[in-house]
């Protein structure tokens, strides 16, 4: 099973996407801006599911969505370029160690998560299906994932699913909550594992 098939299996069938099904035309302007095709599994996933939120945490954008991918790419690239320039002028290379598009080999934005992390493609060669994923962790530098997008998303979903039942609650608070309180928080989805899902935006 491919990682894209595994991701679709975890998330289930998509809700009907607003507008028309994805087409190559949806991606033309984005890929002209990037100067390359984007990874095929990324486009295939978004053409089926559209823009939205994976497992209540990971936000992705479609070119034809209510928050178009190209608009967000441009804003994110500008913001991170400015941040990188400030860091470089102060001698700090840690937070944004990679160039940002449109610099050659620069990171290409594709989404973010509610933890404050930004996610990018790292174009390591001419074949976009071989590109890696870079996560700029909020105020903590960055981490690199081998890719492809769908394998990264599967790992992200599984990590949220495999947490302990009290994940998301401060340890000190546990002594003040009874079993019925904890069960109520788990049932409300406020703590504990996050079930795989996709919510269109």
N, C-alpha and C. Protein backbone atom coordinates (compact mmCIF):
# COMPACT_ATOMS: atom_id res chain seq x y z
N UNK A 1 0.85 -1.18 0.00
CA UNK A 1 0.00 0.00 0.00
C UNK A 1 0.89 1.24 0.00
N UNK A 2 0.62 2.16 -0.89
CA UNK A 2 1.40 3.40 -0.93
C UNK A 2 1.04 4.26 0.28
N UNK A 3 1.92 5.21 0.59
CA UNK A 3 1.63 6.10 1.72
C UNK A 3 0.40 6.95 1.45
N UNK A 4 0.15 7.29 0.17
CA UNK A 4 -1.06 8.04 -0.15
C UNK A 4 -2.31 7.20 0.09
N UNK A 5 -2.27 5.92 -0.30
CA UNK A 5 -3.40 5.02 -0.02
C UNK A 5 -3.60 4.86 1.48
N UNK A 6 -2.49 4.75 2.22
CA UNK A 6 -2.59 4.61 3.68
C UNK A 6 -3.21 5.86 4.30
N UNK A 7 -2.82 7.02 3.82
CA UNK A 7 -3.40 8.26 4.34
C UNK A 7 -4.89 8.32 4.07
N UNK A 8 -5.29 7.98 2.87
CA UNK A 8 -6.71 8.00 2.53
C UNK A 8 -7.48 6.97 3.36
N UNK A 9 -6.85 5.82 3.62
CA UNK A 9 -7.49 4.79 4.45
C UNK A 9 -7.69 5.30 5.88
N UNK A 10 -6.70 6.00 6.42
CA UNK A 10 -6.82 6.54 7.78
C UNK A 10 -7.89 7.62 7.87
N UNK A 11 -7.97 8.48 6.87
CA UNK A 11 -8.88 9.62 6.93
C UNK A 11 -10.29 9.29 6.48
N UNK A 12 -10.45 8.21 5.73
CA UNK A 12 -11.77 7.86 5.22
C UNK A 12 -12.12 8.64 3.98
N UNK A 13 -13.30 8.40 3.47
CA UNK A 13 -13.73 9.07 2.25
C UNK A 13 -13.92 10.56 2.50
N UNK A 14 -13.51 11.37 1.55
CA UNK A 14 -13.65 12.82 1.74
C UNK A 14 -15.10 13.27 1.63
N UNK A 15 -15.39 14.38 2.28
CA UNK A 15 -16.67 15.04 2.06
C UNK A 15 -16.62 15.61 0.65
N UNK A 16 -17.75 15.90 0.07
CA UNK A 16 -17.75 16.51 -1.25
C UNK A 16 -17.00 17.82 -1.20
N UNK A 17 -16.10 17.99 -2.15
CA UNK A 17 -15.34 19.22 -2.22
C UNK A 17 -16.19 20.32 -2.83
N UNK A 18 -16.10 21.51 -2.25
CA UNK A 18 -16.81 22.65 -2.84
C UNK A 18 -16.20 22.95 -4.20
N UNK A 19 -17.03 23.31 -5.15
CA UNK A 19 -16.51 23.63 -6.48
C UNK A 19 -16.31 22.38 -7.31
N UNK A 20 -15.48 22.50 -8.32
CA UNK A 20 -15.27 21.39 -9.25
C UNK A 20 -14.13 20.51 -8.79
N UNK A 21 -14.09 19.25 -9.25
CA UNK A 21 -12.97 18.39 -8.91
C UNK A 21 -11.66 19.00 -9.38
N UNK A 22 -10.55 18.59 -8.74
CA UNK A 22 -9.25 19.12 -9.11
C UNK A 22 -8.92 18.82 -10.57
N UNK A 23 -8.21 19.75 -11.18
CA UNK A 23 -7.77 19.57 -12.55
C UNK A 23 -6.38 20.17 -12.68
N UNK A 24 -5.65 19.77 -13.74
CA UNK A 24 -4.30 20.33 -13.91
C UNK A 24 -4.30 21.86 -13.92
N UNK A 25 -5.38 22.47 -14.41
CA UNK A 25 -5.46 23.93 -14.44
C UNK A 25 -5.40 24.56 -13.06
N UNK A 26 -5.89 23.83 -12.03
CA UNK A 26 -5.84 24.36 -10.67
C UNK A 26 -4.41 24.65 -10.23
N UNK A 27 -3.47 23.85 -10.72
CA UNK A 27 -2.10 23.90 -10.24
C UNK A 27 -1.19 24.75 -11.11
N UNK A 28 -1.65 25.14 -12.30
CA UNK A 28 -0.76 25.79 -13.27
C UNK A 28 -0.11 27.05 -12.71
N UNK A 29 -0.91 27.95 -12.14
CA UNK A 29 -0.37 29.21 -11.64
C UNK A 29 0.59 28.98 -10.47
N UNK A 30 0.25 28.05 -9.59
CA UNK A 30 1.11 27.74 -8.45
C UNK A 30 2.45 27.22 -8.95
N UNK A 31 2.41 26.29 -9.90
CA UNK A 31 3.65 25.68 -10.38
C UNK A 31 4.48 26.66 -11.22
N UNK A 32 3.83 27.60 -11.88
CA UNK A 32 4.57 28.66 -12.56
C UNK A 32 5.31 29.53 -11.54
N UNK A 33 4.64 29.84 -10.44
CA UNK A 33 5.28 30.62 -9.38
C UNK A 33 6.45 29.86 -8.77
N UNK A 34 6.27 28.56 -8.51
CA UNK A 34 7.31 27.74 -7.90
C UNK A 34 8.45 27.49 -8.89
N UNK A 35 8.11 27.43 -10.19
CA UNK A 35 9.12 27.11 -11.20
C UNK A 35 9.35 25.63 -11.35
N UNK A 36 8.40 24.83 -10.89
CA UNK A 36 8.51 23.38 -10.93
C UNK A 36 7.13 22.78 -10.69
N UNK A 37 6.97 21.53 -11.14
CA UNK A 37 5.81 20.76 -10.68
C UNK A 37 5.93 20.56 -9.18
N UNK A 38 4.82 20.36 -8.51
CA UNK A 38 4.82 20.01 -7.10
C UNK A 38 4.68 18.50 -6.96
N UNK A 39 4.99 17.94 -5.79
CA UNK A 39 4.91 16.48 -5.62
C UNK A 39 3.53 15.94 -5.99
N UNK A 40 3.53 14.83 -6.72
CA UNK A 40 2.28 14.29 -7.27
C UNK A 40 1.33 13.80 -6.18
N UNK A 41 1.86 13.23 -5.08
CA UNK A 41 0.96 12.76 -4.03
C UNK A 41 0.28 13.92 -3.32
N UNK A 42 0.99 15.04 -3.18
CA UNK A 42 0.42 16.25 -2.58
C UNK A 42 -0.75 16.74 -3.42
N UNK A 43 -0.54 16.86 -4.73
CA UNK A 43 -1.60 17.33 -5.61
C UNK A 43 -2.76 16.34 -5.66
N UNK A 44 -2.45 15.05 -5.71
CA UNK A 44 -3.52 14.03 -5.76
C UNK A 44 -4.38 14.08 -4.51
N UNK A 45 -3.73 14.22 -3.34
CA UNK A 45 -4.48 14.28 -2.09
C UNK A 45 -5.40 15.50 -2.08
N UNK A 46 -4.85 16.66 -2.42
CA UNK A 46 -5.64 17.88 -2.36
C UNK A 46 -6.72 17.93 -3.42
N UNK A 47 -6.50 17.31 -4.57
CA UNK A 47 -7.52 17.29 -5.61
C UNK A 47 -8.71 16.42 -5.20
N UNK A 48 -8.49 15.48 -4.28
CA UNK A 48 -9.59 14.64 -3.79
C UNK A 48 -10.24 15.27 -2.55
N UNK A 49 -9.42 15.74 -1.60
CA UNK A 49 -9.94 16.23 -0.33
C UNK A 49 -10.17 17.74 -0.30
N UNK A 50 -9.43 18.49 -1.10
CA UNK A 50 -9.50 19.93 -1.03
C UNK A 50 -8.69 20.46 0.14
N UNK A 51 -8.72 21.78 0.34
CA UNK A 51 -8.04 22.37 1.49
C UNK A 51 -8.81 22.06 2.77
N UNK A 52 -8.10 22.01 3.88
CA UNK A 52 -8.76 21.73 5.15
C UNK A 52 -7.78 21.35 6.23
N UNK A 53 -8.29 20.64 7.24
CA UNK A 53 -7.50 20.31 8.42
C UNK A 53 -7.48 18.80 8.62
N UNK A 54 -6.28 18.24 8.69
CA UNK A 54 -6.08 16.81 8.94
C UNK A 54 -5.96 16.59 10.44
N UNK A 55 -6.79 15.70 10.96
CA UNK A 55 -6.78 15.33 12.39
C UNK A 55 -6.81 16.54 13.31
N UNK A 56 -7.63 17.53 12.97
CA UNK A 56 -7.83 18.73 13.80
C UNK A 56 -6.53 19.49 14.08
N UNK A 57 -5.50 19.30 13.24
CA UNK A 57 -4.20 19.89 13.58
C UNK A 57 -3.41 20.39 12.37
N UNK A 58 -3.32 19.60 11.31
CA UNK A 58 -2.44 19.92 10.17
C UNK A 58 -3.26 20.56 9.05
N UNK A 59 -2.96 21.82 8.73
CA UNK A 59 -3.75 22.60 7.78
C UNK A 59 -3.07 22.59 6.41
N UNK A 60 -3.85 22.23 5.38
CA UNK A 60 -3.35 22.19 4.01
C UNK A 60 -4.25 23.04 3.12
N UNK A 61 -3.68 23.50 2.00
CA UNK A 61 -4.37 24.46 1.14
C UNK A 61 -4.41 23.94 -0.30
N UNK A 62 -5.55 24.14 -0.95
CA UNK A 62 -5.71 23.81 -2.37
C UNK A 62 -5.67 25.12 -3.17
N UNK A 63 -5.17 25.08 -4.41
CA UNK A 63 -5.13 26.33 -5.19
C UNK A 63 -6.49 26.97 -5.39
N UNK A 64 -7.55 26.16 -5.47
CA UNK A 64 -8.88 26.70 -5.71
C UNK A 64 -9.73 26.81 -4.47
N UNK A 65 -9.11 26.70 -3.29
CA UNK A 65 -9.87 26.71 -2.04
C UNK A 65 -10.22 28.10 -1.57
N UNK A 66 -10.92 28.16 -0.45
CA UNK A 66 -11.33 29.45 0.12
C UNK A 66 -10.12 30.26 0.58
N UNK A 67 -9.05 29.57 0.97
CA UNK A 67 -7.75 30.21 1.23
C UNK A 67 -6.77 29.62 0.21
N UNK A 68 -6.62 30.26 -0.94
CA UNK A 68 -5.83 29.65 -2.01
C UNK A 68 -4.36 29.43 -1.64
N UNK A 69 -3.84 28.29 -2.07
CA UNK A 69 -2.46 27.91 -1.78
C UNK A 69 -1.47 28.98 -2.23
N UNK A 70 -1.63 29.52 -3.42
CA UNK A 70 -0.66 30.48 -3.94
C UNK A 70 -0.59 31.73 -3.07
N UNK A 71 -1.73 32.24 -2.64
CA UNK A 71 -1.73 33.43 -1.77
C UNK A 71 -0.96 33.14 -0.49
N UNK A 72 -1.23 31.99 0.10
CA UNK A 72 -0.55 31.66 1.36
C UNK A 72 0.94 31.45 1.14
N UNK A 73 1.32 30.79 0.04
CA UNK A 73 2.74 30.60 -0.27
C UNK A 73 3.45 31.96 -0.31
N UNK A 74 2.89 32.89 -1.06
CA UNK A 74 3.54 34.19 -1.21
C UNK A 74 3.72 34.90 0.13
N UNK A 75 2.66 34.89 0.96
CA UNK A 75 2.75 35.54 2.28
C UNK A 75 3.79 34.86 3.16
N UNK A 76 3.77 33.53 3.18
CA UNK A 76 4.70 32.77 4.03
C UNK A 76 6.13 32.95 3.56
N UNK A 77 6.36 32.90 2.26
CA UNK A 77 7.72 33.08 1.74
C UNK A 77 8.25 34.47 2.09
N UNK A 78 7.40 35.48 1.95
CA UNK A 78 7.83 36.85 2.28
C UNK A 78 8.18 36.95 3.77
N UNK A 79 7.31 36.40 4.62
CA UNK A 79 7.53 36.48 6.08
C UNK A 79 8.81 35.77 6.49
N UNK A 80 9.03 34.56 5.95
CA UNK A 80 10.22 33.80 6.34
C UNK A 80 11.50 34.37 5.71
N UNK A 81 11.38 34.96 4.53
CA UNK A 81 12.55 35.63 3.94
C UNK A 81 12.97 36.80 4.81
N UNK A 82 12.00 37.60 5.26
CA UNK A 82 12.31 38.73 6.14
C UNK A 82 12.92 38.25 7.45
N UNK A 83 12.37 37.18 7.99
CA UNK A 83 12.90 36.63 9.24
C UNK A 83 14.32 36.12 9.05
N UNK A 84 14.56 35.43 7.93
CA UNK A 84 15.90 34.91 7.64
C UNK A 84 16.90 36.06 7.48
N UNK A 85 16.50 37.11 6.80
CA UNK A 85 17.39 38.26 6.62
C UNK A 85 17.74 38.90 7.95
N UNK A 86 16.75 39.02 8.85
CA UNK A 86 17.03 39.56 10.19
C UNK A 86 17.99 38.65 10.95
N UNK A 87 17.73 37.33 10.87
CA UNK A 87 18.59 36.37 11.57
C UNK A 87 20.01 36.42 11.04
N UNK A 88 20.16 36.46 9.71
CA UNK A 88 21.50 36.47 9.12
C UNK A 88 22.25 37.75 9.48
N UNK A 89 21.54 38.86 9.52
CA UNK A 89 22.21 40.12 9.86
C UNK A 89 22.67 40.14 11.32
N UNK A 90 22.02 39.32 12.16
CA UNK A 90 22.43 39.25 13.57
C UNK A 90 23.33 38.05 13.85
N UNK A 91 23.66 37.29 12.79
CA UNK A 91 24.54 36.13 12.96
C UNK A 91 23.85 34.88 13.45
N UNK A 92 22.53 34.85 13.45
CA UNK A 92 21.76 33.69 13.92
C UNK A 92 21.32 32.86 12.72
N UNK A 93 21.92 31.67 12.56
CA UNK A 93 21.61 30.83 11.42
C UNK A 93 20.69 29.66 11.80
N UNK A 94 20.31 29.60 13.05
CA UNK A 94 19.62 28.40 13.54
C UNK A 94 18.15 28.33 13.16
N UNK A 95 17.41 29.42 13.27
CA UNK A 95 15.96 29.36 13.11
C UNK A 95 15.51 29.13 11.67
N UNK A 96 16.19 29.74 10.71
CA UNK A 96 15.83 29.56 9.30
C UNK A 96 17.12 29.22 8.54
N UNK A 97 17.57 27.97 8.66
CA UNK A 97 18.86 27.61 8.07
C UNK A 97 18.84 27.39 6.56
N UNK A 98 17.66 27.36 5.97
CA UNK A 98 17.55 27.15 4.53
C UNK A 98 17.13 28.44 3.84
N UNK A 99 17.53 28.60 2.57
CA UNK A 99 16.96 29.71 1.81
C UNK A 99 15.47 29.48 1.60
N UNK A 100 14.76 30.53 1.28
CA UNK A 100 13.31 30.49 1.06
C UNK A 100 13.04 30.83 -0.40
N UNK A 101 12.08 30.15 -1.00
CA UNK A 101 11.68 30.47 -2.37
C UNK A 101 11.39 31.97 -2.46
N UNK A 102 11.84 32.68 -3.49
CA UNK A 102 12.34 32.19 -4.78
C UNK A 102 13.84 32.01 -4.89
N UNK A 103 14.59 32.06 -3.78
CA UNK A 103 16.02 31.75 -3.88
C UNK A 103 16.18 30.34 -4.43
N UNK A 104 17.23 30.07 -5.23
CA UNK A 104 17.45 28.73 -5.76
C UNK A 104 17.53 27.70 -4.63
N UNK A 105 16.78 26.62 -4.77
CA UNK A 105 16.74 25.58 -3.75
C UNK A 105 16.00 25.98 -2.50
N UNK A 106 15.27 27.11 -2.56
CA UNK A 106 14.58 27.62 -1.39
C UNK A 106 13.37 26.79 -0.99
N UNK A 107 13.05 26.82 0.30
CA UNK A 107 11.90 26.10 0.83
C UNK A 107 10.61 26.61 0.20
N UNK A 108 9.66 25.68 -0.02
CA UNK A 108 8.38 25.99 -0.65
C UNK A 108 7.26 25.66 0.35
N UNK A 109 6.54 26.67 0.76
CA UNK A 109 5.49 26.50 1.77
C UNK A 109 4.33 25.65 1.25
N UNK A 110 3.77 24.79 2.12
CA UNK A 110 2.55 24.06 1.75
C UNK A 110 1.52 23.98 2.87
N UNK A 111 1.88 24.31 4.12
CA UNK A 111 0.89 24.24 5.18
C UNK A 111 1.48 24.55 6.55
N UNK A 112 0.66 24.43 7.57
CA UNK A 112 1.10 24.68 8.94
C UNK A 112 0.27 23.81 9.88
N UNK A 113 0.66 23.81 11.15
CA UNK A 113 -0.18 23.11 12.14
C UNK A 113 -0.49 24.05 13.28
N UNK A 114 -1.49 23.67 14.07
CA UNK A 114 -1.97 24.54 15.14
C UNK A 114 -0.99 24.66 16.30
N UNK A 115 0.08 23.85 16.28
CA UNK A 115 1.14 24.01 17.28
C UNK A 115 2.07 25.16 16.95
N UNK A 116 1.84 25.84 15.81
CA UNK A 116 2.67 26.97 15.42
C UNK A 116 3.79 26.62 14.47
N UNK A 117 3.83 25.38 13.98
CA UNK A 117 4.89 24.94 13.06
C UNK A 117 4.47 25.20 11.62
N UNK A 118 5.43 25.62 10.79
CA UNK A 118 5.22 25.79 9.35
C UNK A 118 5.85 24.61 8.64
N UNK A 119 5.23 24.17 7.55
CA UNK A 119 5.72 23.02 6.81
C UNK A 119 6.03 23.42 5.37
N UNK A 120 7.18 22.93 4.89
CA UNK A 120 7.69 23.30 3.58
C UNK A 120 8.17 22.07 2.82
N UNK A 121 8.22 22.19 1.50
CA UNK A 121 8.96 21.23 0.68
C UNK A 121 10.39 21.74 0.56
N UNK A 122 11.35 20.82 0.64
CA UNK A 122 12.75 21.11 0.38
C UNK A 122 13.09 20.50 -0.98
N UNK A 123 13.22 21.35 -2.02
CA UNK A 123 13.45 20.82 -3.37
C UNK A 123 14.89 20.36 -3.56
N UNK A 124 15.15 19.10 -3.22
CA UNK A 124 16.53 18.58 -3.24
C UNK A 124 16.97 18.10 -4.61
N UNK A 125 16.12 18.20 -5.62
CA UNK A 125 16.50 17.79 -6.97
C UNK A 125 15.38 18.11 -7.93
N UNK A 126 15.55 17.72 -9.18
CA UNK A 126 14.55 18.07 -10.19
C UNK A 126 13.25 17.27 -10.10
N UNK A 127 13.27 16.12 -9.42
CA UNK A 127 12.07 15.29 -9.31
C UNK A 127 11.31 15.66 -8.04
N UNK A 128 10.16 16.34 -8.15
CA UNK A 128 9.44 16.77 -6.94
C UNK A 128 8.97 15.60 -6.07
N UNK A 129 8.84 14.41 -6.65
CA UNK A 129 8.41 13.27 -5.83
C UNK A 129 9.52 12.77 -4.92
N UNK A 130 10.72 13.34 -5.06
CA UNK A 130 11.85 12.99 -4.18
C UNK A 130 12.12 14.10 -3.15
N UNK A 131 11.33 15.16 -3.20
CA UNK A 131 11.57 16.26 -2.27
C UNK A 131 11.33 15.84 -0.83
N UNK A 132 12.04 16.50 0.06
CA UNK A 132 11.89 16.26 1.48
C UNK A 132 10.93 17.28 2.09
N UNK A 133 10.58 17.05 3.35
CA UNK A 133 9.72 17.97 4.10
C UNK A 133 10.56 18.62 5.20
N UNK A 134 10.44 19.92 5.34
CA UNK A 134 11.09 20.64 6.43
C UNK A 134 10.00 21.28 7.28
N UNK A 135 10.09 21.05 8.57
CA UNK A 135 9.18 21.68 9.53
C UNK A 135 9.95 22.72 10.31
N UNK A 136 9.48 23.96 10.22
CA UNK A 136 10.04 25.02 11.05
C UNK A 136 9.24 25.03 12.34
N UNK A 137 9.81 24.37 13.36
CA UNK A 137 9.12 24.27 14.64
C UNK A 137 9.09 25.64 15.31
N UNK A 138 7.96 25.97 15.89
CA UNK A 138 7.74 27.29 16.49
C UNK A 138 8.85 27.62 17.49
N UNK A 139 9.67 28.60 17.14
CA UNK A 139 10.76 29.09 18.00
C UNK A 139 11.79 28.02 18.37
N UNK A 140 11.85 26.91 17.63
CA UNK A 140 12.78 25.84 18.01
C UNK A 140 13.64 25.36 16.85
N UNK A 141 13.79 26.14 15.80
CA UNK A 141 14.60 25.68 14.68
C UNK A 141 13.78 24.82 13.74
N UNK A 142 14.43 23.83 13.11
CA UNK A 142 13.70 23.04 12.12
C UNK A 142 14.10 21.58 12.17
N UNK A 143 13.24 20.74 11.56
CA UNK A 143 13.50 19.31 11.44
C UNK A 143 13.19 18.92 10.00
N UNK A 144 13.92 17.93 9.50
CA UNK A 144 13.76 17.47 8.12
C UNK A 144 13.21 16.05 8.12
N UNK A 145 12.25 15.79 7.24
CA UNK A 145 11.62 14.49 7.09
C UNK A 145 11.87 14.02 5.66
N UNK A 146 12.15 12.74 5.45
CA UNK A 146 12.51 12.31 4.10
C UNK A 146 11.42 12.41 3.05
N UNK A 147 10.17 12.53 3.43
CA UNK A 147 9.11 12.63 2.43
C UNK A 147 8.68 11.26 1.95
N UNK A 148 7.73 11.17 1.05
CA UNK A 148 6.98 12.26 0.43
C UNK A 148 5.94 12.86 1.38
N UNK A 149 5.17 13.82 0.86
CA UNK A 149 4.13 14.48 1.66
C UNK A 149 3.23 13.47 2.35
N UNK A 150 2.75 12.47 1.61
CA UNK A 150 1.77 11.54 2.18
C UNK A 150 2.37 10.73 3.32
N UNK A 151 3.66 10.36 3.23
CA UNK A 151 4.31 9.63 4.33
C UNK A 151 4.43 10.53 5.56
N UNK A 152 4.77 11.80 5.33
CA UNK A 152 4.83 12.76 6.43
C UNK A 152 3.46 12.88 7.09
N UNK A 153 2.40 13.02 6.29
CA UNK A 153 1.05 13.19 6.84
C UNK A 153 0.61 11.94 7.60
N UNK A 154 0.94 10.74 7.08
CA UNK A 154 0.61 9.49 7.79
C UNK A 154 1.29 9.48 9.16
N UNK A 155 2.59 9.81 9.20
CA UNK A 155 3.32 9.83 10.47
C UNK A 155 2.72 10.86 11.42
N UNK A 156 2.30 12.00 10.90
CA UNK A 156 1.69 13.06 11.70
C UNK A 156 0.38 12.56 12.32
N UNK A 157 -0.46 11.93 11.51
CA UNK A 157 -1.74 11.40 11.98
C UNK A 157 -1.52 10.31 13.02
N UNK A 158 -0.59 9.40 12.75
CA UNK A 158 -0.33 8.29 13.69
C UNK A 158 0.23 8.80 15.02
N UNK A 159 1.07 9.83 14.96
CA UNK A 159 1.63 10.39 16.20
C UNK A 159 0.52 10.94 17.09
N UNK A 160 -0.47 11.60 16.49
CA UNK A 160 -1.59 12.14 17.27
C UNK A 160 -2.50 11.03 17.79
N UNK A 161 -2.57 9.94 17.05
CA UNK A 161 -3.44 8.82 17.43
C UNK A 161 -2.83 7.97 18.54
N UNK A 162 -1.49 7.95 18.60
CA UNK A 162 -0.80 7.04 19.51
C UNK A 162 -0.36 7.67 20.83
N UNK A 163 -0.95 8.80 21.20
CA UNK A 163 -0.56 9.43 22.46
C UNK A 163 -1.31 8.77 23.62
N UNK A 164 -0.84 9.05 24.84
CA UNK A 164 -1.50 8.44 26.01
C UNK A 164 -2.85 9.11 26.27
N UNK A 165 -3.70 8.46 27.07
CA UNK A 165 -5.07 8.96 27.27
C UNK A 165 -5.15 10.36 27.87
N UNK A 166 -4.10 10.80 28.58
CA UNK A 166 -4.14 12.11 29.24
C UNK A 166 -3.28 13.14 28.51
N UNK A 167 -2.92 12.84 27.28
CA UNK A 167 -2.12 13.80 26.50
C UNK A 167 -2.88 15.12 26.37
N UNK A 168 -2.17 16.21 26.61
CA UNK A 168 -2.79 17.52 26.46
C UNK A 168 -3.21 18.15 27.77
N UNK A 169 -2.97 17.45 28.88
CA UNK A 169 -3.32 18.03 30.18
C UNK A 169 -2.06 18.16 31.01
N UNK A 170 -1.95 19.25 31.74
CA UNK A 170 -0.77 19.46 32.58
C UNK A 170 -0.73 18.42 33.70
N UNK A 171 0.45 17.82 33.95
CA UNK A 171 0.55 16.79 35.01
C UNK A 171 0.03 17.25 36.35
N UNK A 172 0.25 18.54 36.69
CA UNK A 172 -0.22 19.05 38.00
C UNK A 172 -1.74 19.01 38.10
N UNK A 173 -2.41 19.14 36.95
CA UNK A 173 -3.88 19.19 36.96
C UNK A 173 -4.48 17.81 37.23
N UNK A 174 -3.73 16.76 36.96
CA UNK A 174 -4.27 15.41 37.12
C UNK A 174 -4.72 15.13 38.56
N UNK A 175 -3.99 15.69 39.55
CA UNK A 175 -4.35 15.40 40.94
C UNK A 175 -5.66 16.05 41.36
N UNK A 176 -6.14 17.04 40.59
CA UNK A 176 -7.38 17.74 40.93
C UNK A 176 -8.59 17.21 40.15
N UNK A 177 -8.37 16.28 39.22
CA UNK A 177 -9.46 15.78 38.38
C UNK A 177 -9.74 14.32 38.71
N UNK A 178 -11.02 14.02 38.90
CA UNK A 178 -11.43 12.66 39.16
C UNK A 178 -11.58 11.89 37.85
N UNK A 179 -11.76 10.57 37.93
CA UNK A 179 -11.91 9.75 36.73
C UNK A 179 -13.04 10.20 35.82
N UNK A 180 -14.17 10.65 36.43
CA UNK A 180 -15.29 11.09 35.60
C UNK A 180 -14.96 12.39 34.85
N UNK A 181 -14.17 13.27 35.48
CA UNK A 181 -13.74 14.51 34.81
C UNK A 181 -12.84 14.18 33.62
N UNK A 182 -11.89 13.27 33.85
CA UNK A 182 -10.97 12.89 32.78
C UNK A 182 -11.71 12.21 31.64
N UNK A 183 -12.66 11.34 31.98
CA UNK A 183 -13.44 10.66 30.94
C UNK A 183 -14.23 11.67 30.12
N UNK A 184 -14.73 12.70 30.76
CA UNK A 184 -15.49 13.74 30.06
C UNK A 184 -14.59 14.51 29.09
N UNK A 185 -13.36 14.82 29.53
CA UNK A 185 -12.41 15.53 28.66
C UNK A 185 -12.01 14.68 27.46
N UNK A 186 -11.80 13.38 27.69
CA UNK A 186 -11.46 12.47 26.59
C UNK A 186 -12.62 12.40 25.61
N UNK A 187 -13.86 12.22 26.14
CA UNK A 187 -15.05 12.11 25.27
C UNK A 187 -15.25 13.37 24.44
N UNK A 188 -14.89 14.53 25.01
CA UNK A 188 -15.04 15.80 24.28
C UNK A 188 -13.90 16.04 23.30
N UNK A 189 -12.89 15.14 23.33
CA UNK A 189 -11.75 15.29 22.42
C UNK A 189 -10.78 16.37 22.85
N UNK A 190 -10.87 16.81 24.10
CA UNK A 190 -9.99 17.88 24.57
C UNK A 190 -8.63 17.35 25.01
N UNK A 191 -8.56 16.08 25.39
CA UNK A 191 -7.28 15.45 25.72
C UNK A 191 -7.27 14.06 25.10
N UNK A 192 -6.10 13.46 25.09
CA UNK A 192 -5.97 12.09 24.62
C UNK A 192 -5.73 11.99 23.12
N UNK A 193 -5.81 10.77 22.61
CA UNK A 193 -5.55 10.54 21.18
C UNK A 193 -6.52 11.31 20.29
N UNK A 194 -6.02 11.71 19.14
CA UNK A 194 -6.84 12.42 18.15
C UNK A 194 -7.18 11.45 17.04
N UNK A 195 -8.45 11.21 16.83
CA UNK A 195 -8.88 10.27 15.80
C UNK A 195 -8.61 10.87 14.40
N UNK A 196 -8.11 10.05 13.47
CA UNK A 196 -7.88 10.56 12.11
C UNK A 196 -9.14 11.13 11.50
N UNK A 197 -9.01 12.30 10.90
CA UNK A 197 -10.16 12.95 10.28
C UNK A 197 -9.67 13.97 9.27
N UNK A 198 -10.60 14.42 8.44
CA UNK A 198 -10.32 15.55 7.55
C UNK A 198 -11.53 16.45 7.53
N UNK A 199 -11.30 17.72 7.85
CA UNK A 199 -12.39 18.70 7.83
C UNK A 199 -12.09 19.72 6.74
N UNK A 200 -12.94 19.78 5.71
CA UNK A 200 -12.69 20.76 4.64
C UNK A 200 -12.86 22.18 5.15
N UNK A 201 -12.10 23.08 4.54
CA UNK A 201 -12.24 24.49 4.94
C UNK A 201 -13.10 25.22 3.94
